[in-house]
Amino acid sequence: MASPVRVDWNRSPVSIHHNSIEVLQSLLFHLHEQYGITKHSIAMPDREEGGFVAFLYQVCDPAWIVEWQQQMEE
């Protein structure tokens, strides 16, 4: 993965962004399988900033995303 996932923690719901829809889908799958995060949108085109976006409707620990990102870089 060339670029990290960008997370906007200041909005409600929290949004996650990346240039690749597959990367977002992989993160959503990881959050579901490892931490039971089931309340989220599908990954979709981001009309405002380009790339793709998904929304999290459940509490998510930032460390979970950092952990996933580090696993993807290995």
PDB file of N, CA and C in Angstrom:
ATOM      1  N   MET A   1       0.864  -1.177   0.000  1.00  0.00           N
ATOM      2  CA  MET A   1       0.000   0.000   0.000  1.00  0.00           C
ATOM      3  C   MET A   1       0.902   1.228   0.000  1.00  0.00           C
ATOM      4  N   ALA A   2       0.723   2.065  -0.959  1.00  0.00           N
ATOM      5  CA  ALA A   2       1.599   3.220  -1.139  1.00  0.00           C
ATOM      6  C   ALA A   2       1.307   4.335  -0.139  1.00  0.00           C
ATOM      7  N   SER A   3       0.069   4.629   0.118  1.00  0.00           N
ATOM      8  CA  SER A   3      -0.265   5.751   0.997  1.00  0.00           C
ATOM      9  C   SER A   3      -1.122   5.273   2.166  1.00  0.00           C
ATOM     10  N   PRO A   4      -1.017   5.952   3.306  1.00  0.00           N
ATOM     11  CA  PRO A   4      -1.810   5.553   4.472  1.00  0.00           C
ATOM     12  C   PRO A   4      -3.282   5.949   4.326  1.00  0.00           C
ATOM     13  N   VAL A   5      -4.108   5.265   5.073  1.00  0.00           N
ATOM     14  CA  VAL A   5      -5.524   5.621   5.162  1.00  0.00           C
ATOM     15  C   VAL A   5      -5.611   6.909   5.960  1.00  0.00           C
ATOM     16  N   ARG A   6      -6.451   7.836   5.507  1.00  0.00           N
ATOM     17  CA  ARG A   6      -6.663   9.083   6.242  1.00  0.00           C
ATOM     18  C   ARG A   6      -7.984   8.953   6.991  1.00  0.00           C
ATOM     19  N   VAL A   7      -7.960   9.279   8.272  1.00  0.00           N
ATOM     20  CA  VAL A   7      -9.159   9.188   9.109  1.00  0.00           C
ATOM     21  C   VAL A   7      -9.502  10.581   9.610  1.00  0.00           C
ATOM     22  N   ASP A   8     -10.748  10.980   9.430  1.00  0.00           N
ATOM     23  CA  ASP A   8     -11.215  12.274   9.932  1.00  0.00           C
ATOM     24  C   ASP A   8     -11.988  12.029  11.222  1.00  0.00           C
ATOM     25  N   TRP A   9     -11.275  12.131  12.344  1.00  0.00           N
ATOM     26  CA  TRP A   9     -11.876  11.872  13.659  1.00  0.00           C
ATOM     27  C   TRP A   9     -12.744  13.036  14.113  1.00  0.00           C
ATOM     28  N   ASN A  10     -12.655  14.190  13.467  1.00  0.00           N
ATOM     29  CA  ASN A  10     -13.376  15.386  13.902  1.00  0.00           C
ATOM     30  C   ASN A  10     -14.783  15.482  13.342  1.00  0.00           C
ATOM     31  N   ARG A  11     -15.168  14.563  12.498  1.00  0.00           N
ATOM     32  CA  ARG A  11     -16.523  14.616  11.953  1.00  0.00           C
ATOM     33  C   ARG A  11     -17.355  13.505  12.561  1.00  0.00           C
ATOM     34  N   SER A  12     -18.637  13.650  12.472  1.00  0.00           N
ATOM     35  CA  SER A  12     -19.551  12.625  12.970  1.00  0.00           C
ATOM     36  C   SER A  12     -20.541  12.290  11.852  1.00  0.00           C
ATOM     37  N   PRO A  13     -20.511  11.089  11.344  1.00  0.00           N
ATOM     38  CA  PRO A  13     -19.672   9.959  11.751  1.00  0.00           C
ATOM     39  C   PRO A  13     -18.228  10.121  11.269  1.00  0.00           C
ATOM     40  N   VAL A  14     -17.328   9.382  11.917  1.00  0.00           N
ATOM     41  CA  VAL A  14     -15.920   9.364  11.527  1.00  0.00           C
ATOM     42  C   VAL A  14     -15.828   8.853  10.097  1.00  0.00           C
ATOM     43  N   SER A  15     -14.971   9.484   9.299  1.00  0.00           N
ATOM     44  CA  SER A  15     -14.802   9.034   7.921  1.00  0.00           C
ATOM     45  C   SER A  15     -13.383   8.537   7.698  1.00  0.00           C
ATOM     46  N   ILE A  16     -13.272   7.515   6.848  1.00  0.00           N
ATOM     47  CA  ILE A  16     -11.964   7.000   6.457  1.00  0.00           C
ATOM     48  C   ILE A  16     -11.832   7.158   4.951  1.00  0.00           C
ATOM     49  N   HIS A  17     -10.639   7.546   4.504  1.00  0.00           N
ATOM     50  CA  HIS A  17     -10.423   7.901   3.101  1.00  0.00           C
ATOM     51  C   HIS A  17      -9.182   7.206   2.559  1.00  0.00           C
ATOM     52  N   HIS A  18      -9.237   6.830   1.285  1.00  0.00           N
ATOM     53  CA  HIS A  18      -8.061   6.307   0.586  1.00  0.00           C
ATOM     54  C   HIS A  18      -8.314   6.364  -0.907  1.00  0.00           C
ATOM     55  N   ASN A  19      -7.244   6.325  -1.688  1.00  0.00           N
ATOM     56  CA  ASN A  19      -7.376   6.342  -3.139  1.00  0.00           C
ATOM     57  C   ASN A  19      -7.845   5.013  -3.708  1.00  0.00           C
ATOM     58  N   SER A  20      -7.760   3.943  -2.915  1.00  0.00           N
ATOM     59  CA  SER A  20      -8.134   2.605  -3.379  1.00  0.00           C
ATOM     60  C   SER A  20      -9.348   2.085  -2.605  1.00  0.00           C
ATOM     61  N   ILE A  21     -10.378   1.680  -3.335  1.00  0.00           N
ATOM     62  CA  ILE A  21     -11.559   1.113  -2.680  1.00  0.00           C
ATOM     63  C   ILE A  21     -11.214  -0.218  -2.023  1.00  0.00           C
ATOM     64  N   GLU A  22     -10.278  -0.966  -2.607  1.00  0.00           N
ATOM     65  CA  GLU A  22      -9.887  -2.258  -2.043  1.00  0.00           C
ATOM     66  C   GLU A  22      -9.229  -2.096  -0.678  1.00  0.00           C
ATOM     67  N   VAL A  23      -8.450  -1.037  -0.510  1.00  0.00           N
ATOM     68  CA  VAL A  23      -7.806  -0.769   0.776  1.00  0.00           C
ATOM     69  C   VAL A  23      -8.866  -0.483   1.835  1.00  0.00           C
ATOM     70  N   LEU A  24      -9.837   0.344   1.518  1.00  0.00           N
ATOM     71  CA  LEU A  24     -10.908   0.640   2.492  1.00  0.00           C
ATOM     72  C   LEU A  24     -11.699  -0.617   2.817  1.00  0.00           C
ATOM     73  N   GLN A  25     -12.003  -1.425   1.818  1.00  0.00           N
ATOM     74  CA  GLN A  25     -12.748  -2.658   2.061  1.00  0.00           C
ATOM     75  C   GLN A  25     -11.950  -3.602   2.955  1.00  0.00           C
ATOM     76  N   SER A  26     -10.644  -3.649   2.748  1.00  0.00           N
ATOM     77  CA  SER A  26      -9.778  -4.481   3.584  1.00  0.00           C
ATOM     78  C   SER A  26      -9.797  -4.001   5.035  1.00  0.00           C
ATOM     79  N   LEU A  27      -9.728  -2.694   5.237  1.00  0.00           N
ATOM     80  CA  LEU A  27      -9.779  -2.140   6.594  1.00  0.00           C
ATOM     81  C   LEU A  27     -11.123  -2.428   7.250  1.00  0.00           C
ATOM     82  N   LEU A  28     -12.204  -2.227   6.537  1.00  0.00           N
ATOM     83  CA  LEU A  28     -13.533  -2.500   7.104  1.00  0.00           C
ATOM     84  C   LEU A  28     -13.675  -3.973   7.476  1.00  0.00           C
ATOM     85  N   PHE A  29     -13.167  -4.865   6.640  1.00  0.00           N
ATOM     86  CA  PHE A  29     -13.207  -6.294   6.937  1.00  0.00           C
ATOM     87  C   PHE A  29     -12.401  -6.599   8.199  1.00  0.00           C
ATOM     88  N   HIS A  30     -11.216  -6.012   8.300  1.00  0.00           N
ATOM     89  CA  HIS A  30     -10.370  -6.209   9.483  1.00  0.00           C
ATOM     90  C   HIS A  30     -11.084  -5.730  10.752  1.00  0.00           C
ATOM     91  N   LEU A  31     -11.655  -4.533  10.701  1.00  0.00           N
ATOM     92  CA  LEU A  31     -12.352  -4.004  11.878  1.00  0.00           C
ATOM     93  C   LEU A  31     -13.538  -4.886  12.269  1.00  0.00           C
ATOM     94  N   HIS A  32     -14.200  -5.434  11.286  1.00  0.00           N
ATOM     95  CA  HIS A  32     -15.336  -6.333  11.561  1.00  0.00           C
ATOM     96  C   HIS A  32     -14.848  -7.639  12.187  1.00  0.00           C
ATOM     97  N   GLU A  33     -13.856  -8.265  11.566  1.00  0.00           N
ATOM     98  CA  GLU A  33     -13.380  -9.572  12.027  1.00  0.00           C
ATOM     99  C   GLU A  33     -12.670  -9.499  13.377  1.00  0.00           C
ATOM    100  N   GLN A  34     -11.855  -8.479  13.587  1.00  0.00           N
ATOM    101  CA  GLN A  34     -11.048  -8.400  14.801  1.00  0.00           C
ATOM    102  C   GLN A  34     -11.754  -7.720  15.969  1.00  0.00           C
ATOM    103  N   TYR A  35     -12.627  -6.742  15.680  1.00  0.00           N
ATOM    104  CA  TYR A  35     -13.178  -5.914  16.749  1.00  0.00           C
ATOM    105  C   TYR A  35     -14.700  -5.804  16.732  1.00  0.00           C
ATOM    106  N   GLY A  36     -15.348  -6.521  15.831  1.00  0.00           N
ATOM    107  CA  GLY A  36     -16.807  -6.537  15.809  1.00  0.00           C
ATOM    108  C   GLY A  36     -17.451  -5.253  15.319  1.00  0.00           C
ATOM    109  N   ILE A  37     -16.714  -4.440  14.577  1.00  0.00           N
ATOM    110  CA  ILE A  37     -17.287  -3.206  14.031  1.00  0.00           C
ATOM    111  C   ILE A  37     -18.196  -3.587  12.862  1.00  0.00           C
ATOM    112  N   THR A  38     -19.493  -3.464  13.074  1.00  0.00           N
ATOM    113  CA  THR A  38     -20.452  -3.826  12.028  1.00  0.00           C
ATOM    114  C   THR A  38     -21.232  -2.624  11.511  1.00  0.00           C
ATOM    115  N   LYS A  39     -21.198  -1.551  12.249  1.00  0.00           N
ATOM    116  CA  LYS A  39     -21.964  -0.369  11.854  1.00  0.00           C
ATOM    117  C   LYS A  39     -21.065   0.590  11.085  1.00  0.00           C
ATOM    118  N   HIS A  40     -21.072   0.411   9.776  1.00  0.00           N
ATOM    119  CA  HIS A  40     -20.277   1.257   8.892  1.00  0.00           C
ATOM    120  C   HIS A  40     -20.946   1.289   7.522  1.00  0.00           C
ATOM    121  N   SER A  41     -20.594   2.289   6.750  1.00  0.00           N
ATOM    122  CA  SER A  41     -21.102   2.370   5.381  1.00  0.00           C
ATOM    123  C   SER A  41     -20.273   1.453   4.491  1.00  0.00           C
ATOM    124  N   ILE A  42     -20.692   1.327   3.261  1.00  0.00           N
ATOM    125  CA  ILE A  42     -19.846   0.686   2.271  1.00  0.00           C
ATOM    126  C   ILE A  42     -18.813   1.716   1.811  1.00  0.00           C
ATOM    127  N   ALA A  43     -17.730   1.253   1.243  1.00  0.00           N
ATOM    128  CA  ALA A  43     -16.766   2.170   0.639  1.00  0.00           C
ATOM    129  C   ALA A  43     -17.387   2.698  -0.651  1.00  0.00           C
ATOM    130  N   MET A  44     -17.268   4.000  -0.866  1.00  0.00           N
ATOM    131  CA  MET A  44     -17.908   4.633  -2.029  1.00  0.00           C
ATOM    132  C   MET A  44     -17.035   5.761  -2.542  1.00  0.00           C
ATOM    133  N   PRO A  45     -17.281   6.212  -3.775  1.00  0.00           N
ATOM    134  CA  PRO A  45     -16.500   7.340  -4.287  1.00  0.00           C
ATOM    135  C   PRO A  45     -16.671   8.577  -3.404  1.00  0.00           C
ATOM    136  N   ASP A  46     -15.565   9.264  -3.176  1.00  0.00           N
ATOM    137  CA  ASP A  46     -15.571  10.497  -2.395  1.00  0.00           C
ATOM    138  C   ASP A  46     -15.719  11.658  -3.376  1.00  0.00           C
ATOM    139  N   ARG A  47     -16.890  12.218  -3.452  1.00  0.00           N
ATOM    140  CA  ARG A  47     -17.172  13.289  -4.410  1.00  0.00           C
ATOM    141  C   ARG A  47     -16.505  14.604  -4.051  1.00  0.00           C
ATOM    142  N   GLU A  48     -16.178  14.793  -2.786  1.00  0.00           N
ATOM    143  CA  GLU A  48     -15.588  16.057  -2.350  1.00  0.00           C
ATOM    144  C   GLU A  48     -14.076  16.099  -2.532  1.00  0.00           C
ATOM    145  N   GLU A  49     -13.394  14.987  -2.215  1.00  0.00           N
ATOM    146  CA  GLU A  49     -11.928  15.011  -2.207  1.00  0.00           C
ATOM    147  C   GLU A  49     -11.297  14.040  -3.194  1.00  0.00           C
ATOM    148  N   GLY A  50     -12.099  13.263  -3.904  1.00  0.00           N
ATOM    149  CA  GLY A  50     -11.558  12.247  -4.794  1.00  0.00           C
ATOM    150  C   GLY A  50     -11.197  11.000  -4.012  1.00  0.00           C
ATOM    151  N   GLY A  51     -10.908   9.933  -4.699  1.00  0.00           N
ATOM    152  CA  GLY A  51     -10.623   8.673  -4.035  1.00  0.00           C
ATOM    153  C   GLY A  51     -11.916   8.059  -3.525  1.00  0.00           C
ATOM    154  N   PHE A  52     -11.834   7.404  -2.376  1.00  0.00           N
ATOM    155  CA  PHE A  52     -12.983   6.704  -1.812  1.00  0.00           C
ATOM    156  C   PHE A  52     -13.117   7.019  -0.326  1.00  0.00           C
ATOM    157  N   VAL A  53     -14.323   6.831   0.192  1.00  0.00           N
ATOM    158  CA  VAL A  53     -14.618   7.142   1.586  1.00  0.00           C
ATOM    159  C   VAL A  53     -15.563   6.091   2.139  1.00  0.00           C
ATOM    160  N   ALA A  54     -15.461   5.855   3.449  1.00  0.00           N
ATOM    161  CA  ALA A  54     -16.431   5.037   4.185  1.00  0.00           C
ATOM    162  C   ALA A  54     -16.624   5.713   5.542  1.00  0.00           C
ATOM    163  N   PHE A  55     -17.766   5.437   6.166  1.00  0.00           N
ATOM    164  CA  PHE A  55     -18.099   6.061   7.439  1.00  0.00           C
ATOM    165  C   PHE A  55     -18.255   5.000   8.520  1.00  0.00           C
ATOM    166  N   LEU A  56     -17.741   5.301   9.707  1.00  0.00           N
ATOM    167  CA  LEU A  56     -17.852   4.398  10.855  1.00  0.00           C
ATOM    168  C   LEU A  56     -18.918   4.941  11.796  1.00  0.00           C
ATOM    169  N   TYR A  57     -19.899   4.105  12.114  1.00  0.00           N
ATOM    170  CA  TYR A  57     -21.003   4.506  12.988  1.00  0.00           C
ATOM    171  C   TYR A  57     -20.874   3.884  14.375  1.00  0.00           C
ATOM    172  N   GLN A  58     -19.733   3.287  14.678  1.00  0.00           N
ATOM    173  CA  GLN A  58     -19.451   2.699  15.978  1.00  0.00           C
ATOM    174  C   GLN A  58     -18.142   3.280  16.483  1.00  0.00           C
ATOM    175  N   VAL A  59     -17.924   3.195  17.767  1.00  0.00           N
ATOM    176  CA  VAL A  59     -16.663   3.646  18.355  1.00  0.00           C
ATOM    177  C   VAL A  59     -15.537   2.766  17.828  1.00  0.00           C
ATOM    178  N   CYS A  60     -14.451   3.420  17.436  1.00  0.00           N
ATOM    179  CA  CYS A  60     -13.292   2.711  16.907  1.00  0.00           C
ATOM    180  C   CYS A  60     -12.038   3.287  17.558  1.00  0.00           C
ATOM    181  N   ASP A  61     -11.228   2.435  18.108  1.00  0.00           N
ATOM    182  CA  ASP A  61      -9.979   2.850  18.722  1.00  0.00           C
ATOM    183  C   ASP A  61      -8.973   3.173  17.607  1.00  0.00           C
ATOM    184  N   PRO A  62      -8.373   4.358  17.607  1.00  0.00           N
ATOM    185  CA  PRO A  62      -7.384   4.685  16.575  1.00  0.00           C
ATOM    186  C   PRO A  62      -6.249   3.661  16.483  1.00  0.00           C
ATOM    187  N   ALA A  63      -5.913   3.042  17.601  1.00  0.00           N
ATOM    188  CA  ALA A  63      -4.836   2.048  17.603  1.00  0.00           C
ATOM    189  C   ALA A  63      -5.171   0.864  16.700  1.00  0.00           C
ATOM    190  N   TRP A  64      -6.457   0.546  16.531  1.00  0.00           N
ATOM    191  CA  TRP A  64      -6.847  -0.569  15.670  1.00  0.00           C
ATOM    192  C   TRP A  64      -6.484  -0.285  14.221  1.00  0.00           C
ATOM    193  N   ILE A  65      -6.651   0.953  13.804  1.00  0.00           N
ATOM    194  CA  ILE A  65      -6.329   1.328  12.422  1.00  0.00           C
ATOM    195  C   ILE A  65      -4.819   1.383  12.238  1.00  0.00           C
ATOM    196  N   VAL A  66      -4.105   1.901  13.227  1.00  0.00           N
ATOM    197  CA  VAL A  66      -2.646   1.941  13.163  1.00  0.00           C
ATOM    198  C   VAL A  66      -2.103   0.513  13.074  1.00  0.00           C
ATOM    199  N   GLU A  67      -2.630  -0.392  13.881  1.00  0.00           N
ATOM    200  CA  GLU A  67      -2.200  -1.787  13.868  1.00  0.00           C
ATOM    201  C   GLU A  67      -2.411  -2.410  12.486  1.00  0.00           C
ATOM    202  N   TRP A  68      -3.588  -2.206  11.917  1.00  0.00           N
ATOM    203  CA  TRP A  68      -3.895  -2.736  10.587  1.00  0.00           C
ATOM    204  C   TRP A  68      -2.935  -2.157   9.549  1.00  0.00           C
ATOM    205  N   GLN A  69      -2.701  -0.853   9.636  1.00  0.00           N
ATOM    206  CA  GLN A  69      -1.809  -0.178   8.681  1.00  0.00           C
ATOM    207  C   GLN A  69      -0.409  -0.786   8.755  1.00  0.00           C
ATOM    208  N   GLN A  70       0.072  -1.041   9.954  1.00  0.00           N
ATOM    209  CA  GLN A  70       1.399  -1.623  10.111  1.00  0.00           C
ATOM    210  C   GLN A  70       1.452  -3.035   9.543  1.00  0.00           C
ATOM    211  N   GLN A  71       0.389  -3.803   9.713  1.00  0.00           N
ATOM    212  CA  GLN A  71       0.332  -5.153   9.139  1.00  0.00           C
ATOM    213  C   GLN A  71       0.352  -5.091   7.623  1.00  0.00           C
ATOM    214  N   MET A  72      -0.308  -4.099   7.032  1.00  0.00           N
ATOM    215  CA  MET A  72      -0.367  -3.969   5.578  1.00  0.00           C
ATOM    216  C   MET A  72       1.003  -3.602   4.997  1.00  0.00           C
ATOM    217  N   GLU A  73       1.824  -2.921   5.763  1.00  0.00           N
ATOM    218  CA  GLU A  73       3.131  -2.490   5.286  1.00  0.00           C
ATOM    219  C   GLU A  73       4.169  -3.589   5.350  1.00  0.00           C
ATOM    220  N   GLU A  74       3.881  -4.651   6.104  1.00  0.00           N
ATOM    221  CA  GLU A  74       4.860  -5.757   6.247  1.00  0.00           C
ATOM    222  C   GLU A  74       4.921  -6.604   5.006  1.00  0.00           C
TER     223      GLU A  74
END
